[in-house]
Amino acid sequence: MFENLLDSAICQVKRLTVNSGHHLSLQYHHKRSEHWVVIQGTALITKGKKQYKLCANQSTFIKKGEIHRIENKSKKDLIMIEVQTGEYLEEDDIKRFKDIYKR
């Protein structure tokens, strides 16, 4: 789930919560980039063909067009801040792969 913290013409800021054992769909964006900061928990990040963990107070940058995913394999909820920047910030700028939520 997510909560909009800021919605402006130049950026959007969201608080993401990924429940234990869950993940976001594998996806990319045509027109925006994203900055992710882990606030609580441990995230398993997929960027392109690489995977790595991020813990609290660590961050990463997802460039426009890069395939990415967030997974929470821990027993606690994962909380992250996502800052979206780019020429277009609407939700229809998502190309999803393997979406278990059928969006």
PDB file of N, CA and C in Angstrom:
ATOM      1  N   MET A   1       0.839  -1.170   0.000  1.00  0.00           N
ATOM      2  CA  MET A   1       0.000   0.000   0.000  1.00  0.00           C
ATOM      3  C   MET A   1       0.883   1.232   0.000  1.00  0.00           C
ATOM      4  N   PHE A   2       0.303   2.368  -0.363  1.00  0.00           N
ATOM      5  CA  PHE A   2       1.065   3.604  -0.318  1.00  0.00           C
ATOM      6  C   PHE A   2       0.183   4.754   0.142  1.00  0.00           C
ATOM      7  N   GLU A   3       0.874   5.766   0.678  1.00  0.00           N
ATOM      8  CA  GLU A   3       0.227   7.001   1.111  1.00  0.00           C
ATOM      9  C   GLU A   3       0.934   8.152   0.405  1.00  0.00           C
ATOM     10  N   ASN A   4       0.172   9.014  -0.265  1.00  0.00           N
ATOM     11  CA  ASN A   4       0.754  10.195  -0.912  1.00  0.00           C
ATOM     12  C   ASN A   4       1.118  11.216   0.152  1.00  0.00           C
ATOM     13  N   LEU A   5       2.395  11.607   0.175  1.00  0.00           N
ATOM     14  CA  LEU A   5       2.857  12.630   1.097  1.00  0.00           C
ATOM     15  C   LEU A   5       2.968  13.985   0.424  1.00  0.00           C
ATOM     16  N   LEU A   6       3.285  13.970  -0.880  1.00  0.00           N
ATOM     17  CA  LEU A   6       3.405  15.200  -1.660  1.00  0.00           C
ATOM     18  C   LEU A   6       3.070  14.877  -3.102  1.00  0.00           C
ATOM     19  N   ASP A   7       2.240  15.696  -3.716  1.00  0.00           N
ATOM     20  CA  ASP A   7       1.843  15.518  -5.115  1.00  0.00           C
ATOM     21  C   ASP A   7       1.949  16.876  -5.793  1.00  0.00           C
ATOM     22  N   SER A   8       3.040  17.102  -6.513  1.00  0.00           N
ATOM     23  CA  SER A   8       3.239  18.388  -7.162  1.00  0.00           C
ATOM     24  C   SER A   8       3.554  18.185  -8.638  1.00  0.00           C
ATOM     25  N   ALA A   9       3.693  19.266  -9.361  1.00  0.00           N
ATOM     26  CA  ALA A   9       3.989  19.189 -10.798  1.00  0.00           C
ATOM     27  C   ALA A   9       5.399  18.684 -11.070  1.00  0.00           C
ATOM     28  N   ILE A  10       6.306  18.795 -10.098  1.00  0.00           N
ATOM     29  CA  ILE A  10       7.699  18.405 -10.348  1.00  0.00           C
ATOM     30  C   ILE A  10       8.122  17.116  -9.659  1.00  0.00           C
ATOM     31  N   CYS A  11       7.342  16.658  -8.674  1.00  0.00           N
ATOM     32  CA  CYS A  11       7.675  15.390  -8.009  1.00  0.00           C
ATOM     33  C   CYS A  11       6.479  14.870  -7.233  1.00  0.00           C
ATOM     34  N   GLN A  12       6.552  13.582  -6.908  1.00  0.00           N
ATOM     35  CA  GLN A  12       5.594  12.961  -5.994  1.00  0.00           C
ATOM     36  C   GLN A  12       6.398  12.236  -4.936  1.00  0.00           C
ATOM     37  N   VAL A  13       5.913  12.279  -3.696  1.00  0.00           N
ATOM     38  CA  VAL A  13       6.556  11.572  -2.595  1.00  0.00           C
ATOM     39  C   VAL A  13       5.513  10.653  -1.973  1.00  0.00           C
ATOM     40  N   LYS A  14       5.891   9.374  -1.825  1.00  0.00           N
ATOM     41  CA  LYS A  14       4.966   8.383  -1.273  1.00  0.00           C
ATOM     42  C   LYS A  14       5.625   7.613  -0.150  1.00  0.00           C
ATOM     43  N   ARG A  15       4.817   7.227   0.811  1.00  0.00           N
ATOM     44  CA  ARG A  15       5.244   6.297   1.854  1.00  0.00           C
ATOM     45  C   ARG A  15       4.722   4.933   1.438  1.00  0.00           C
ATOM     46  N   LEU A  16       5.631   3.997   1.190  1.00  0.00           N
ATOM     47  CA  LEU A  16       5.259   2.638   0.780  1.00  0.00           C
ATOM     48  C   LEU A  16       5.356   1.704   1.969  1.00  0.00           C
ATOM     49  N   THR A  17       4.371   0.843   2.117  1.00  0.00           N
ATOM     50  CA  THR A  17       4.431  -0.231   3.101  1.00  0.00           C
ATOM     51  C   THR A  17       4.268  -1.542   2.347  1.00  0.00           C
ATOM     52  N   VAL A  18       5.278  -2.407   2.487  1.00  0.00           N
ATOM     53  CA  VAL A  18       5.226  -3.729   1.867  1.00  0.00           C
ATOM     54  C   VAL A  18       5.145  -4.732   3.008  1.00  0.00           C
ATOM     55  N   ASN A  19       4.025  -5.430   3.081  1.00  0.00           N
ATOM     56  CA  ASN A  19       3.812  -6.391   4.163  1.00  0.00           C
ATOM     57  C   ASN A  19       4.801  -7.542   4.075  1.00  0.00           C
ATOM     58  N   SER A  20       5.017  -8.167   5.210  1.00  0.00           N
ATOM     59  CA  SER A  20       5.911  -9.311   5.300  1.00  0.00           C
ATOM     60  C   SER A  20       5.534 -10.376   4.268  1.00  0.00           C
ATOM     61  N   GLY A  21       6.529 -10.846   3.518  1.00  0.00           N
ATOM     62  CA  GLY A  21       6.303 -11.902   2.535  1.00  0.00           C
ATOM     63  C   GLY A  21       5.724 -11.435   1.215  1.00  0.00           C
ATOM     64  N   HIS A  22       5.554 -10.136   1.016  1.00  0.00           N
ATOM     65  CA  HIS A  22       4.952  -9.608  -0.207  1.00  0.00           C
ATOM     66  C   HIS A  22       5.960  -8.832  -1.044  1.00  0.00           C
ATOM     67  N   HIS A  23       5.550  -8.461  -2.259  1.00  0.00           N
ATOM     68  CA  HIS A  23       6.413  -7.710  -3.165  1.00  0.00           C
ATOM     69  C   HIS A  23       5.578  -6.885  -4.129  1.00  0.00           C
ATOM     70  N   LEU A  24       6.218  -5.898  -4.717  1.00  0.00           N
ATOM     71  CA  LEU A  24       5.598  -5.126  -5.791  1.00  0.00           C
ATOM     72  C   LEU A  24       5.831  -5.873  -7.094  1.00  0.00           C
ATOM     73  N   SER A  25       5.052  -5.562  -8.114  1.00  0.00           N
ATOM     74  CA  SER A  25       5.239  -6.222  -9.400  1.00  0.00           C
ATOM     75  C   SER A  25       6.562  -5.782 -10.028  1.00  0.00           C
ATOM     76  N   LEU A  26       7.147  -6.673 -10.816  1.00  0.00           N
ATOM     77  CA  LEU A  26       8.318  -6.328 -11.613  1.00  0.00           C
ATOM     78  C   LEU A  26       7.835  -5.347 -12.667  1.00  0.00           C
ATOM     79  N   GLN A  27       8.514  -4.180 -12.798  1.00  0.00           N
ATOM     80  CA  GLN A  27       7.979  -3.108 -13.621  1.00  0.00           C
ATOM     81  C   GLN A  27       9.070  -2.161 -14.091  1.00  0.00           C
ATOM     82  N   TYR A  28       8.692  -1.260 -14.991  1.00  0.00           N
ATOM     83  CA  TYR A  28       9.529  -0.107 -15.322  1.00  0.00           C
ATOM     84  C   TYR A  28       8.631   1.045 -15.721  1.00  0.00           C
ATOM     85  N   HIS A  29       9.251   2.237 -15.808  1.00  0.00           N
ATOM     86  CA  HIS A  29       8.527   3.460 -16.151  1.00  0.00           C
ATOM     87  C   HIS A  29       9.185   4.099 -17.364  1.00  0.00           C
ATOM     88  N   HIS A  30       8.383   4.582 -18.293  1.00  0.00           N
ATOM     89  CA  HIS A  30       8.892   5.241 -19.496  1.00  0.00           C
ATOM     90  C   HIS A  30       9.373   6.660 -19.217  1.00  0.00           C
ATOM     91  N   LYS A  31       8.716   7.367 -18.295  1.00  0.00           N
ATOM     92  CA  LYS A  31       8.916   8.811 -18.186  1.00  0.00           C
ATOM     93  C   LYS A  31       9.341   9.303 -16.811  1.00  0.00           C
ATOM     94  N   ARG A  32       9.574   8.427 -15.860  1.00  0.00           N
ATOM     95  CA  ARG A  32       9.968   8.903 -14.535  1.00  0.00           C
ATOM     96  C   ARG A  32      11.078   8.045 -13.938  1.00  0.00           C
ATOM     97  N   SER A  33      11.781   8.655 -12.999  1.00  0.00           N
ATOM     98  CA  SER A  33      12.793   7.985 -12.183  1.00  0.00           C
ATOM     99  C   SER A  33      12.282   7.952 -10.748  1.00  0.00           C
ATOM    100  N   GLU A  34      12.893   7.091  -9.932  1.00  0.00           N
ATOM    101  CA  GLU A  34      12.473   6.987  -8.538  1.00  0.00           C
ATOM    102  C   GLU A  34      13.690   6.891  -7.627  1.00  0.00           C
ATOM    103  N   HIS A  35      13.588   7.527  -6.469  1.00  0.00           N
ATOM    104  CA  HIS A  35      14.576   7.426  -5.400  1.00  0.00           C
ATOM    105  C   HIS A  35      13.880   6.704  -4.253  1.00  0.00           C
ATOM    106  N   TRP A  36      14.501   5.668  -3.733  1.00  0.00           N
ATOM    107  CA  TRP A  36      13.909   4.910  -2.629  1.00  0.00           C
ATOM    108  C   TRP A  36      14.789   5.000  -1.396  1.00  0.00           C
ATOM    109  N   VAL A  37      14.175   5.239  -0.243  1.00  0.00           N
ATOM    110  CA  VAL A  37      14.880   5.255   1.038  1.00  0.00           C
ATOM    111  C   VAL A  37      14.160   4.283   1.968  1.00  0.00           C
ATOM    112  N   VAL A  38      14.905   3.339   2.546  1.00  0.00           N
ATOM    113  CA  VAL A  38      14.315   2.409   3.508  1.00  0.00           C
ATOM    114  C   VAL A  38      14.254   3.093   4.866  1.00  0.00           C
ATOM    115  N   ILE A  39      13.067   3.123   5.447  1.00  0.00           N
ATOM    116  CA  ILE A  39      12.842   3.713   6.765  1.00  0.00           C
ATOM    117  C   ILE A  39      12.856   2.635   7.839  1.00  0.00           C
ATOM    118  N   GLN A  40      12.214   1.506   7.542  1.00  0.00           N
ATOM    119  CA  GLN A  40      12.132   0.396   8.507  1.00  0.00           C
ATOM    120  C   GLN A  40      12.157  -0.911   7.746  1.00  0.00           C
ATOM    121  N   GLY A  41      12.873  -1.894   8.266  1.00  0.00           N
ATOM    122  CA  GLY A  41      12.900  -3.215   7.662  1.00  0.00           C
ATOM    123  C   GLY A  41      14.044  -3.385   6.676  1.00  0.00           C
ATOM    124  N   THR A  42      13.949  -4.478   5.926  1.00  0.00           N
ATOM    125  CA  THR A  42      14.957  -4.821   4.922  1.00  0.00           C
ATOM    126  C   THR A  42      14.257  -5.091   3.608  1.00  0.00           C
ATOM    127  N   ALA A  43      14.729  -4.429   2.549  1.00  0.00           N
ATOM    128  CA  ALA A  43      14.153  -4.593   1.214  1.00  0.00           C
ATOM    129  C   ALA A  43      15.091  -5.416   0.351  1.00  0.00           C
ATOM    130  N   LEU A  44      14.537  -6.334  -0.408  1.00  0.00           N
ATOM    131  CA  LEU A  44      15.290  -7.004  -1.456  1.00  0.00           C
ATOM    132  C   LEU A  44      14.941  -6.264  -2.738  1.00  0.00           C
ATOM    133  N   ILE A  45      15.921  -5.621  -3.330  1.00  0.00           N
ATOM    134  CA  ILE A  45      15.730  -4.774  -4.500  1.00  0.00           C
ATOM    135  C   ILE A  45      16.182  -5.509  -5.751  1.00  0.00           C
ATOM    136  N   THR A  46      15.362  -5.475  -6.789  1.00  0.00           N
ATOM    137  CA  THR A  46      15.757  -5.938  -8.113  1.00  0.00           C
ATOM    138  C   THR A  46      15.893  -4.706  -8.989  1.00  0.00           C
ATOM    139  N   LYS A  47      17.076  -4.550  -9.607  1.00  0.00           N
ATOM    140  CA  LYS A  47      17.329  -3.487 -10.589  1.00  0.00           C
ATOM    141  C   LYS A  47      17.982  -4.171 -11.784  1.00  0.00           C
ATOM    142  N   GLY A  48      17.245  -4.223 -12.899  1.00  0.00           N
ATOM    143  CA  GLY A  48      17.763  -4.951 -14.055  1.00  0.00           C
ATOM    144  C   GLY A  48      17.944  -6.413 -13.698  1.00  0.00           C
ATOM    145  N   LYS A  49      19.155  -6.934 -13.862  1.00  0.00           N
ATOM    146  CA  LYS A  49      19.440  -8.343 -13.553  1.00  0.00           C
ATOM    147  C   LYS A  49      20.096  -8.514 -12.188  1.00  0.00           C
ATOM    148  N   LYS A  50      20.283  -7.414 -11.453  1.00  0.00           N
ATOM    149  CA  LYS A  50      20.941  -7.471 -10.152  1.00  0.00           C
ATOM    150  C   LYS A  50      19.924  -7.442  -9.029  1.00  0.00           C
ATOM    151  N   GLN A  51      20.263  -8.137  -7.932  1.00  0.00           N
ATOM    152  CA  GLN A  51      19.461  -8.093  -6.708  1.00  0.00           C
ATOM    153  C   GLN A  51      20.383  -7.777  -5.545  1.00  0.00           C
ATOM    154  N   TYR A  52      19.886  -6.987  -4.598  1.00  0.00           N
ATOM    155  CA  TYR A  52      20.659  -6.667  -3.401  1.00  0.00           C
ATOM    156  C   TYR A  52      19.708  -6.226  -2.303  1.00  0.00           C
ATOM    157  N   LYS A  53      20.212  -6.229  -1.069  1.00  0.00           N
ATOM    158  CA  LYS A  53      19.400  -5.828   0.083  1.00  0.00           C
ATOM    159  C   LYS A  53      19.697  -4.382   0.462  1.00  0.00           C
ATOM    160  N   LEU A  54      18.648  -3.704   0.923  1.00  0.00           N
ATOM    161  CA  LEU A  54      18.768  -2.380   1.517  1.00  0.00           C
ATOM    162  C   LEU A  54      18.148  -2.439   2.900  1.00  0.00           C
ATOM    163  N   CYS A  55      18.831  -1.868   3.875  1.00  0.00           N
ATOM    164  CA  CYS A  55      18.338  -1.806   5.254  1.00  0.00           C
ATOM    165  C   CYS A  55      17.978  -0.369   5.605  1.00  0.00           C
ATOM    166  N   ALA A  56      17.465  -0.164   6.806  1.00  0.00           N
ATOM    167  CA  ALA A  56      17.075   1.178   7.256  1.00  0.00           C
ATOM    168  C   ALA A  56      18.220   2.164   7.059  1.00  0.00           C
ATOM    169  N   ASN A  57      17.878   3.359   6.589  1.00  0.00           N
ATOM    170  CA  ASN A  57      18.809   4.456   6.314  1.00  0.00           C
ATOM    171  C   ASN A  57      19.651   4.252   5.061  1.00  0.00           C
ATOM    172  N   GLN A  58      19.319   3.270   4.238  1.00  0.00           N
ATOM    173  CA  GLN A  58      19.998   3.088   2.961  1.00  0.00           C
ATOM    174  C   GLN A  58      19.037   3.449   1.832  1.00  0.00           C
ATOM    175  N   SER A  59      19.606   3.784   0.670  1.00  0.00           N
ATOM    176  CA  SER A  59      18.763   4.230  -0.442  1.00  0.00           C
ATOM    177  C   SER A  59      19.310   3.741  -1.772  1.00  0.00           C
ATOM    178  N   THR A  60      18.481   3.892  -2.815  1.00  0.00           N
ATOM    179  CA  THR A  60      18.890   3.550  -4.169  1.00  0.00           C
ATOM    180  C   THR A  60      18.133   4.441  -5.149  1.00  0.00           C
ATOM    181  N   PHE A  61      18.641   4.492  -6.368  1.00  0.00           N
ATOM    182  CA  PHE A  61      18.055   5.291  -7.442  1.00  0.00           C
ATOM    183  C   PHE A  61      17.653   4.352  -8.568  1.00  0.00           C
ATOM    184  N   ILE A  62      16.420   4.491  -9.052  1.00  0.00           N
ATOM    185  CA  ILE A  62      15.904   3.710 -10.176  1.00  0.00           C
ATOM    186  C   ILE A  62      15.756   4.667 -11.349  1.00  0.00           C
ATOM    187  N   LYS A  63      16.572   4.482 -12.365  1.00  0.00           N
ATOM    188  CA  LYS A  63      16.506   5.403 -13.502  1.00  0.00           C
ATOM    189  C   LYS A  63      15.340   5.055 -14.429  1.00  0.00           C
ATOM    190  N   LYS A  64      14.899   6.029 -15.172  1.00  0.00           N
ATOM    191  CA  LYS A  64      13.806   5.876 -16.135  1.00  0.00           C
ATOM    192  C   LYS A  64      14.131   4.699 -17.067  1.00  0.00           C
ATOM    193  N   GLY A  65      13.167   3.794 -17.260  1.00  0.00           N
ATOM    194  CA  GLY A  65      13.327   2.652 -18.149  1.00  0.00           C
ATOM    195  C   GLY A  65      13.977   1.425 -17.526  1.00  0.00           C
ATOM    196  N   GLU A  66      14.403   1.521 -16.266  1.00  0.00           N
ATOM    197  CA  GLU A  66      15.072   0.397 -15.601  1.00  0.00           C
ATOM    198  C   GLU A  66      14.042  -0.537 -14.959  1.00  0.00           C
ATOM    199  N   ILE A  67      14.142  -1.826 -15.240  1.00  0.00           N
ATOM    200  CA  ILE A  67      13.244  -2.814 -14.630  1.00  0.00           C
ATOM    201  C   ILE A  67      13.584  -2.911 -13.145  1.00  0.00           C
ATOM    202  N   HIS A  68      12.536  -2.927 -12.292  1.00  0.00           N
ATOM    203  CA  HIS A  68      12.770  -2.917 -10.860  1.00  0.00           C
ATOM    204  C   HIS A  68      11.625  -3.566 -10.081  1.00  0.00           C
ATOM    205  N   ARG A  69      11.954  -3.902  -8.828  1.00  0.00           N
ATOM    206  CA  ARG A  69      10.967  -4.497  -7.911  1.00  0.00           C
ATOM    207  C   ARG A  69      11.459  -4.329  -6.479  1.00  0.00           C
ATOM    208  N   ILE A  70      10.517  -4.241  -5.554  1.00  0.00           N
ATOM    209  CA  ILE A  70      10.795  -4.263  -4.113  1.00  0.00           C
ATOM    210  C   ILE A  70      10.149  -5.520  -3.550  1.00  0.00           C
ATOM    211  N   GLU A  71      10.912  -6.265  -2.747  1.00  0.00           N
ATOM    212  CA  GLU A  71      10.377  -7.447  -2.068  1.00  0.00           C
ATOM    213  C   GLU A  71      10.669  -7.348  -0.576  1.00  0.00           C
ATOM    214  N   ASN A  72       9.760  -7.897   0.214  1.00  0.00           N
ATOM    215  CA  ASN A  72       9.944  -7.963   1.662  1.00  0.00           C
ATOM    216  C   ASN A  72       9.903  -9.425   2.076  1.00  0.00           C
ATOM    217  N   LYS A  73      11.073  -9.999   2.287  1.00  0.00           N
ATOM    218  CA  LYS A  73      11.152 -11.409   2.686  1.00  0.00           C
ATOM    219  C   LYS A  73      11.308 -11.562   4.196  1.00  0.00           C
ATOM    220  N   SER A  74      11.235 -10.449   4.920  1.00  0.00           N
ATOM    221  CA  SER A  74      11.397 -10.505   6.380  1.00  0.00           C
ATOM    222  C   SER A  74      10.049 -10.752   7.060  1.00  0.00           C
ATOM    223  N   LYS A  75      10.091 -10.833   8.383  1.00  0.00           N
ATOM    224  CA  LYS A  75       8.875 -11.072   9.159  1.00  0.00           C
ATOM    225  C   LYS A  75       8.207  -9.788   9.626  1.00  0.00           C
ATOM    226  N   LYS A  76       8.851  -8.625   9.348  1.00  0.00           N
ATOM    227  CA  LYS A  76       8.298  -7.325   9.730  1.00  0.00           C
ATOM    228  C   LYS A  76       7.920  -6.548   8.484  1.00  0.00           C
ATOM    229  N   ASP A  77       6.970  -5.615   8.631  1.00  0.00           N
ATOM    230  CA  ASP A  77       6.613  -4.744   7.506  1.00  0.00           C
ATOM    231  C   ASP A  77       7.801  -3.899   7.095  1.00  0.00           C
ATOM    232  N   LEU A  78       7.896  -3.647   5.799  1.00  0.00           N
ATOM    233  CA  LEU A  78       8.920  -2.797   5.209  1.00  0.00           C
ATOM    234  C   LEU A  78       8.295  -1.438   4.933  1.00  0.00           C
ATOM    235  N   ILE A  79       8.942  -0.372   5.394  1.00  0.00           N
ATOM    236  CA  ILE A  79       8.451   0.984   5.135  1.00  0.00           C
ATOM    237  C   ILE A  79       9.536   1.740   4.381  1.00  0.00           C
ATOM    238  N   MET A  80       9.140   2.344   3.266  1.00  0.00           N
ATOM    239  CA  MET A  80      10.067   3.082   2.412  1.00  0.00           C
ATOM    240  C   MET A  80       9.456   4.412   2.016  1.00  0.00           C
ATOM    241  N   ILE A  81      10.315   5.359   1.681  1.00  0.00           N
ATOM    242  CA  ILE A  81       9.890   6.615   1.063  1.00  0.00           C
ATOM    243  C   ILE A  81      10.320   6.559  -0.393  1.00  0.00           C
ATOM    244  N   GLU A  82       9.394   6.870  -1.280  1.00  0.00           N
ATOM    245  CA  GLU A  82       9.662   6.880  -2.720  1.00  0.00           C
ATOM    246  C   GLU A  82       9.470   8.305  -3.236  1.00  0.00           C
ATOM    247  N   VAL A  83      10.496   8.829  -3.903  1.00  0.00           N
ATOM    248  CA  VAL A  83      10.406  10.146  -4.532  1.00  0.00           C
ATOM    249  C   VAL A  83      10.446   9.927  -6.040  1.00  0.00           C
ATOM    250  N   GLN A  84       9.369  10.323  -6.710  1.00  0.00           N
ATOM    251  CA  GLN A  84       9.258  10.178  -8.165  1.00  0.00           C
ATOM    252  C   GLN A  84       9.551  11.522  -8.824  1.00  0.00           C
ATOM    253  N   THR A  85      10.410  11.508  -9.843  1.00  0.00           N
ATOM    254  CA  THR A  85      10.707  12.717 -10.606  1.00  0.00           C
ATOM    255  C   THR A  85      10.687  12.381 -12.090  1.00  0.00           C
ATOM    256  N   GLY A  86      10.347  13.356 -12.905  1.00  0.00           N
ATOM    257  CA  GLY A  86      10.330  13.134 -14.346  1.00  0.00           C
ATOM    258  C   GLY A  86       9.294  13.999 -15.026  1.00  0.00           C
ATOM    259  N   GLU A  87       9.197  13.790 -16.329  1.00  0.00           N
ATOM    260  CA  GLU A  87       8.302  14.614 -17.140  1.00  0.00           C
ATOM    261  C   GLU A  87       6.836  14.240 -16.994  1.00  0.00           C
ATOM    262  N   TYR A  88       6.550  13.035 -16.467  1.00  0.00           N
ATOM    263  CA  TYR A  88       5.173  12.546 -16.337  1.00  0.00           C
ATOM    264  C   TYR A  88       5.129  11.623 -15.133  1.00  0.00           C
ATOM    265  N   LEU A  89       4.216  11.863 -14.190  1.00  0.00           N
ATOM    266  CA  LEU A  89       4.220  11.149 -12.913  1.00  0.00           C
ATOM    267  C   LEU A  89       2.946  10.352 -12.637  1.00  0.00           C
ATOM    268  N   GLU A  90       2.119  10.140 -13.631  1.00  0.00           N
ATOM    269  CA  GLU A  90       0.853   9.431 -13.419  1.00  0.00           C
ATOM    270  C   GLU A  90       1.077   7.915 -13.345  1.00  0.00           C
ATOM    271  N   GLU A  91       0.105   7.219 -12.743  1.00  0.00           N
ATOM    272  CA  GLU A  91       0.216   5.774 -12.536  1.00  0.00           C
ATOM    273  C   GLU A  91       0.158   4.960 -13.835  1.00  0.00           C
ATOM    274  N   ASP A  92      -0.326   5.543 -14.927  1.00  0.00           N
ATOM    275  CA  ASP A  92      -0.391   4.786 -16.184  1.00  0.00           C
ATOM    276  C   ASP A  92       0.961   4.750 -16.909  1.00  0.00           C
ATOM    277  N   ASP A  93       2.021   5.276 -16.293  1.00  0.00           N
ATOM    278  CA  ASP A  93       3.372   5.189 -16.839  1.00  0.00           C
ATOM    279  C   ASP A  93       4.104   3.962 -16.296  1.00  0.00           C
ATOM    280  N   ILE A  94       3.373   2.899 -16.052  1.00  0.00           N
ATOM    281  CA  ILE A  94       3.955   1.666 -15.516  1.00  0.00           C
ATOM    282  C   ILE A  94       3.746   0.541 -16.510  1.00  0.00           C
ATOM    283  N   LYS A  95       4.824  -0.137 -16.867  1.00  0.00           N
ATOM    284  CA  LYS A  95       4.757  -1.382 -17.630  1.00  0.00           C
ATOM    285  C   LYS A  95       5.073  -2.483 -16.642  1.00  0.00           C
ATOM    286  N   ARG A  96       4.087  -3.343 -16.356  1.00  0.00           N
ATOM    287  CA  ARG A  96       4.241  -4.387 -15.348  1.00  0.00           C
ATOM    288  C   ARG A  96       4.529  -5.745 -15.992  1.00  0.00           C
ATOM    289  N   PHE A  97       5.333  -6.535 -15.285  1.00  0.00           N
ATOM    290  CA  PHE A  97       5.625  -7.919 -15.637  1.00  0.00           C
ATOM    291  C   PHE A  97       5.322  -8.773 -14.406  1.00  0.00           C
ATOM    292  N   LYS A  98       4.805  -9.940 -14.583  1.00  0.00           N
ATOM    293  CA  LYS A  98       4.566 -10.854 -13.456  1.00  0.00           C
ATOM    294  C   LYS A  98       3.818 -10.173 -12.311  1.00  0.00           C
ATOM    295  N   ASP A  99       2.684  -9.574 -12.609  1.00  0.00           N
ATOM    296  CA  ASP A  99       1.895  -8.856 -11.611  1.00  0.00           C
ATOM    297  C   ASP A  99       0.867  -9.791 -10.995  1.00  0.00           C
ATOM    298  N   ILE A 100       1.103 -10.224  -9.751  1.00  0.00           N
ATOM    299  CA  ILE A 100       0.186 -11.155  -9.096  1.00  0.00           C
ATOM    300  C   ILE A 100      -1.146 -10.478  -8.753  1.00  0.00           C
ATOM    301  N   TYR A 101      -1.179  -9.127  -8.786  1.00  0.00           N
ATOM    302  CA  TYR A 101      -2.392  -8.390  -8.477  1.00  0.00           C
ATOM    303  C   TYR A 101      -3.234  -8.133  -9.719  1.00  0.00           C
ATOM    304  N   LYS A 102      -2.767  -8.592 -10.878  1.00  0.00           N
ATOM    305  CA  LYS A 102      -3.487  -8.531 -12.168  1.00  0.00           C
ATOM    306  C   LYS A 102      -3.920  -7.109 -12.532  1.00  0.00           C
ATOM    307  N   ARG A 103      -2.985  -6.176 -12.418  1.00  0.00           N
ATOM    308  CA  ARG A 103      -3.240  -4.789 -12.822  1.00  0.00           C
ATOM    309  C   ARG A 103      -2.751  -4.569 -14.240  1.00  0.00           C
TER     310      ARG A 103
END
